[in-house]
Protein backbone atom coordinates (compact mmCIF):
# COMPACT_ATOMS: atom_id res chain seq x y z
CA MET A 1 143.74 102.13 113.91
CA SER A 2 141.40 99.21 113.36
CA MET A 3 137.67 99.77 113.22
CA ARG A 4 135.23 97.31 114.77
CA LYS A 5 133.01 95.69 112.18
CA THR A 6 129.26 96.06 112.63
CA SER A 7 127.64 92.62 112.54
CA ASN A 8 124.50 91.83 110.56
CA LYS A 9 122.77 91.18 113.88
CA GLU A 10 123.55 94.74 115.00
CA ASN A 11 122.30 96.15 111.68
CA VAL A 12 118.97 94.37 112.10
CA LYS A 13 118.68 95.46 115.73
CA LYS A 14 119.32 99.05 114.66
CA PHE A 15 115.96 99.12 112.89
CA VAL A 16 113.81 97.33 115.49
CA TYR A 17 111.33 99.72 117.08
CA GLU A 18 110.16 99.19 120.66
CA SER A 19 106.50 100.22 120.65
CA ASN A 20 105.59 99.09 124.20
CA ILE A 21 102.06 98.21 123.04
CA GLU A 22 100.11 96.05 125.47
CA LEU A 23 97.18 93.74 124.67
CA SER A 24 95.06 95.95 126.91
CA ASP A 25 95.79 98.91 124.60
CA LEU A 26 94.44 96.94 121.64
CA ILE A 27 91.32 96.02 123.61
CA ASP A 28 90.75 99.66 124.62
CA ALA A 29 90.99 100.67 120.94
CA LYS A 30 88.43 97.96 120.02
CA VAL A 31 90.88 96.40 117.58
CA HIS A 32 89.57 92.89 118.32
CA PHE A 33 86.08 93.41 116.85
CA GLY A 34 85.75 91.84 113.41
CA TYR A 35 82.79 91.52 111.04
CA ARG A 36 79.89 89.09 111.33
CA SER A 37 80.99 85.48 111.56
CA ASN A 38 79.00 84.50 108.46
CA VAL A 39 81.05 86.81 106.20
CA MET A 40 84.48 85.67 107.34
CA SER A 41 87.24 85.37 104.75
CA PRO A 42 88.78 81.85 104.67
CA GLU A 43 92.24 83.45 104.82
CA MET A 44 91.39 85.10 108.13
CA ARG A 45 90.14 82.03 110.04
CA ALA A 46 93.57 81.47 111.58
CA ASN A 47 93.44 85.00 113.05
CA VAL A 48 90.05 84.57 114.75
CA ILE A 49 89.68 83.03 118.20
CA GLY A 50 85.89 82.94 118.45
CA SER A 51 82.75 85.04 118.18
CA LYS A 52 80.45 87.10 120.38
CA ASN A 53 76.88 88.08 119.50
CA GLY A 54 77.51 86.86 115.95
CA MET A 55 80.66 89.00 115.52
CA SER A 56 84.12 87.54 114.96
CA ILE A 57 86.73 88.18 117.65
CA ILE A 58 90.28 88.67 116.38
CA ASP A 59 93.26 87.07 118.12
CA LEU A 60 95.04 90.15 119.50
CA ARG A 61 98.26 88.24 120.10
CA LYS A 62 98.63 87.93 116.33
CA THR A 63 97.57 91.55 115.86
CA LYS A 64 100.20 92.73 118.33
CA SER A 65 102.97 90.73 116.67
CA ALA A 66 102.04 91.91 113.16
CA LEU A 67 101.66 95.54 114.25
CA GLU A 68 105.02 95.58 116.03
CA ASN A 69 106.68 94.16 112.92
CA ALA A 70 105.03 96.83 110.75
CA LEU A 71 106.08 99.59 113.16
CA SER A 72 109.70 98.46 112.85
CA VAL A 73 109.33 98.81 109.09
CA PHE A 74 107.95 102.35 109.43
CA TYR A 75 110.67 103.21 111.94
CA LYS A 76 113.28 102.09 109.40
CA CYS A 77 111.58 104.15 106.68
CA GLY A 78 111.71 107.19 108.94
CA ARG A 79 115.43 106.65 109.58
CA LEU A 80 116.17 106.26 105.89
CA ASN A 81 114.01 109.23 104.84
CA LYS A 82 111.67 107.13 102.70
CA LYS A 83 108.39 108.40 101.26
CA ILE A 84 105.36 106.94 103.02
CA LEU A 85 101.82 107.21 101.69
CA PHE A 86 98.80 106.92 104.02
CA VAL A 87 95.62 105.83 102.23
CA GLY A 88 92.15 105.95 103.74
CA THR A 89 89.22 107.27 101.70
CA GLY A 90 86.42 105.96 103.90
CA GLU A 91 84.26 108.80 105.17
CA LYS A 92 84.89 108.03 108.86
CA VAL A 93 88.69 107.92 108.61
CA ARG A 94 89.54 110.73 106.17
CA ASP A 95 90.45 113.30 108.80
CA ILE A 96 92.43 110.75 110.82
CA ILE A 97 94.51 109.75 107.80
CA LYS A 98 95.27 113.38 106.90
CA ASN A 99 96.03 114.35 110.49
CA TYR A 100 98.57 111.62 111.24
CA ALA A 101 100.24 111.67 107.80
CA THR A 102 100.73 115.42 108.13
CA ARG A 103 101.92 115.05 111.73
CA CYS A 104 104.90 112.92 110.66
CA GLY A 105 105.63 114.89 107.48
CA GLN A 106 104.35 112.22 105.10
CA PHE A 107 101.77 112.01 102.32
CA TYR A 108 98.16 110.93 102.07
CA VAL A 109 95.18 110.19 99.83
CA ASN A 110 91.93 110.59 101.77
CA ASP A 111 89.28 111.76 99.29
CA ARG A 112 89.13 109.05 96.63
CA TRP A 113 91.65 106.88 94.87
CA LEU A 114 91.80 107.77 91.19
CA GLY A 115 92.78 104.96 88.84
CA GLY A 116 96.43 105.38 87.85
CA MET A 117 97.55 107.39 90.87
CA LEU A 118 100.59 105.12 91.05
CA THR A 119 100.69 103.28 87.74
CA ASN A 120 100.19 106.45 85.68
CA TRP A 121 102.42 108.79 87.65
CA TYR A 122 103.13 110.93 84.57
CA THR A 123 99.49 112.05 84.39
CA VAL A 124 99.37 112.62 88.16
CA SER A 125 102.49 114.81 87.88
CA LYS A 126 100.79 116.90 85.20
CA SER A 127 97.78 117.45 87.49
CA ILE A 128 100.09 118.55 90.32
CA LYS A 129 101.85 120.99 87.97
CA THR A 130 98.44 122.34 86.97
CA ILE A 131 97.68 123.10 90.64
CA SER A 132 100.97 125.00 90.87
CA TYR A 133 100.09 126.93 87.72
CA TYR A 134 96.67 127.88 89.08
CA ASN A 135 98.27 129.06 92.34
CA LYS A 136 100.69 131.32 90.48
CA LEU A 137 97.86 132.86 88.48
CA LEU A 138 95.72 133.44 91.57
CA GLU A 139 98.58 134.86 93.66
CA SER A 140 100.05 137.09 90.96
CA GLU A 141 99.78 140.80 91.77
CA GLU A 142 99.90 141.59 88.06
CA SER A 143 96.98 139.34 87.24
CA ASP A 144 94.10 140.95 85.35
CA LEU A 145 91.68 138.09 86.01
CA THR A 146 88.03 139.02 86.46
CA LYS A 147 86.10 137.93 89.56
CA LYS A 148 84.34 135.31 87.47
CA GLU A 149 87.66 133.92 86.19
CA VAL A 150 89.07 133.83 89.73
CA LEU A 151 86.04 131.88 90.95
CA LEU A 152 86.36 129.43 88.05
CA LEU A 153 90.09 128.91 88.67
CA ASN A 154 89.51 128.37 92.39
CA LYS A 155 86.82 125.82 91.61
CA LYS A 156 89.17 123.91 89.27
CA LYS A 157 92.02 124.10 91.77
CA ASP A 158 89.87 122.88 94.67
CA LYS A 159 88.73 119.91 92.62
CA LEU A 160 92.33 118.91 91.89
CA MET A 161 93.37 119.58 95.49
CA SER A 162 90.75 117.18 96.84
CA SER A 163 92.43 114.38 94.89
CA PHE A 164 96.10 115.42 94.91
CA GLY A 165 96.47 117.83 97.84
CA GLY A 166 98.06 115.20 100.06
CA ILE A 167 100.76 114.26 97.53
CA LEU A 168 101.72 117.69 96.17
CA GLU A 169 105.25 117.50 97.57
CA MET A 170 105.79 113.77 97.10
CA GLY A 171 107.69 114.23 93.84
CA SER A 172 107.64 110.57 92.84
CA ARG A 173 105.97 107.29 93.78
CA PRO A 174 106.10 106.37 97.47
CA ASP A 175 108.46 103.77 98.90
CA ILE A 176 105.76 102.14 101.03
CA ILE A 177 102.00 102.48 101.54
CA PHE A 178 99.76 102.13 104.57
CA ILE A 179 96.14 101.26 103.70
CA ALA A 180 93.44 101.47 106.36
CA ASN A 181 90.76 99.49 104.48
CA THR A 182 91.70 97.15 101.62
CA ILE A 183 88.11 96.71 100.44
CA ILE A 184 87.35 100.41 100.05
CA ASP A 185 90.80 101.11 98.58
CA ASN A 186 91.34 97.84 96.70
CA LEU A 187 92.55 99.76 93.64
CA ALA A 188 95.41 101.22 95.68
CA VAL A 189 96.38 97.68 96.71
CA LYS A 190 96.34 96.49 93.09
CA GLU A 191 98.45 99.38 91.79
CA ALA A 192 101.03 99.07 94.57
CA THR A 193 101.25 95.31 94.01
CA THR A 194 101.70 95.82 90.26
CA LEU A 195 104.62 98.18 90.89
CA GLY A 196 106.16 96.13 93.70
CA ILE A 197 105.61 98.85 96.31
CA PRO A 198 105.38 97.26 99.81
CA VAL A 199 101.93 97.51 101.42
CA VAL A 200 101.10 97.59 105.12
CA ALA A 201 97.36 97.14 105.60
CA ILE A 202 94.73 96.49 108.23
CA ILE A 203 93.02 93.20 107.41
CA ASP A 204 89.58 92.71 108.95
CA THR A 205 87.83 89.33 109.11
CA ASN A 206 86.01 89.90 105.80
CA CYS A 207 89.19 90.80 103.87
CA LEU A 208 91.64 88.83 101.77
CA ILE A 209 95.32 88.92 102.71
CA GLY A 210 96.39 88.27 99.13
CA ASP A 211 99.68 89.97 98.25
CA ILE A 212 99.75 92.34 101.24
CA ASN A 213 103.36 92.45 102.46
CA TYR A 214 102.54 93.35 106.04
CA PRO A 215 98.96 92.36 106.94
CA ILE A 216 97.76 93.45 110.38
CA PRO A 217 94.65 91.55 111.59
CA GLY A 218 92.26 94.07 113.11
CA ASN A 219 89.15 96.22 113.02
CA ASP A 220 89.38 98.28 109.82
CA ASP A 221 86.39 100.61 110.16
CA GLY A 222 86.28 101.74 113.79
CA ILE A 223 87.33 105.35 114.33
CA LYS A 224 89.08 104.49 117.59
CA SER A 225 90.98 101.56 116.08
CA ILE A 226 92.11 103.47 112.95
CA GLU A 227 93.30 106.34 115.13
CA PHE A 228 95.23 103.83 117.25
CA TYR A 229 97.06 102.37 114.23
CA CYS A 230 97.80 105.77 112.68
CA SER A 231 98.99 107.23 115.96
CA HIS A 232 101.54 104.44 116.50
CA ILE A 233 102.67 104.46 112.85
CA SER A 234 103.21 108.22 113.01
CA LYS A 235 105.19 107.88 116.25
CA ALA A 236 107.39 105.14 114.77
CA ILE A 237 108.18 107.28 111.72
CA LEU A 238 108.98 110.33 113.85
CA HIS A 239 111.21 108.25 116.14
CA GLY A 240 113.08 106.97 113.10
CA MET A 241 113.55 110.49 111.76
CA SER A 242 114.75 111.88 115.09
CA ASP A 243 117.17 108.98 115.63
CA ALA A 244 118.63 109.56 112.16
CA MET A 245 119.10 113.25 112.99
CA ARG A 246 120.83 112.38 116.28
CA GLU A 247 123.20 110.06 114.42
CA SER A 248 124.09 112.89 112.06
CA GLY A 249 125.00 115.12 115.01
CA VAL A 250 121.81 117.19 115.35
CA ASP A 251 120.82 118.00 118.94
CA VAL A 252 117.16 117.00 118.53
CA ASP A 253 116.29 117.46 122.22
CA ARG A 254 117.57 121.02 122.20
CA MET A 255 115.84 121.76 118.90
CA LEU A 256 112.47 120.58 120.25
CA LYS A 257 112.85 122.33 123.60
CA LYS A 258 110.82 125.56 123.96
CA PRO A 259 112.67 128.68 125.13
CA LYS A 260 111.90 129.37 128.80
CA GLU A 261 110.61 132.89 128.13
CA ASN A 262 108.01 131.57 125.65
CA VAL A 263 106.78 129.05 128.21
CA ASP A 264 106.50 131.74 130.89
CA ASN A 265 104.74 134.22 128.62
CA ASN A 266 102.19 131.71 127.39
CA ASN A 267 101.66 130.09 130.82
CA THR A 268 102.10 126.73 129.14
CA GLU A 269 101.84 123.58 131.28
CA SER A 270 104.97 121.34 131.38
CA SER A 271 104.40 118.61 130.17
CA THR A 272 111.25 93.52 114.95
CA ASP A 273 111.50 90.19 113.62
CA SER A 274 111.88 91.07 109.93
CA VAL A 275 113.05 94.25 108.27
CA VAL A 276 111.84 95.36 104.85
CA ASN A 277 114.46 95.90 102.15
CA ILE A 278 113.43 99.27 100.79
């Protein structure tokens, strides 16, 4: 029996994600608002179509194209079970970053980026092991720790958790990183670039594109805009994961479906162009 060969074209198409994002969605999320015109980065001039009240207005056609390309990359990562790190340590976006990274079973840094989090992974691994050690001591029924010692251990653990809590289960460096703000988290950009880890980042009008692999022109400090990006990235990853499970024979629809009795008891209402080589 002869088997039909899968063409390269079909392989590429396999990893293209249809996001169905409209320009109106980007406008609603206020993605088009850049910084003041007088602080525009020369690299970003080609992505700006004008200004209003002294603020740069981003060309959403370019944003849409770049975002759709990035979503195809994240979809592929989800299908191939790659490790994805969400980074956003700005005060306004911390909860958003944690929420959407957790939602799609990925990892995050949302407190502050410590120097060497990627380039000195050995030291980071030791800190993660220390957290595990503290947990064992605190949870042990045979522990003879005093109240003062318990308080001290909890304080040390909480300090480590604020920095490493989002990467406890990562196990090794990520395969790709999403960065919400490249100015606030410029050190993350530098470390990823040094190691050759692909970076997807939101690039506002005051930012440099530099070595960013997948720059997305857009508002990088609006709560609504960051939630928009993270929501679609999370969806793309989850779609990739579920499609991979379907290919392996798992009945995803049945697995996600709630049993009828649970619904009754709870009265619940029913309810791209390029592909990264990772």
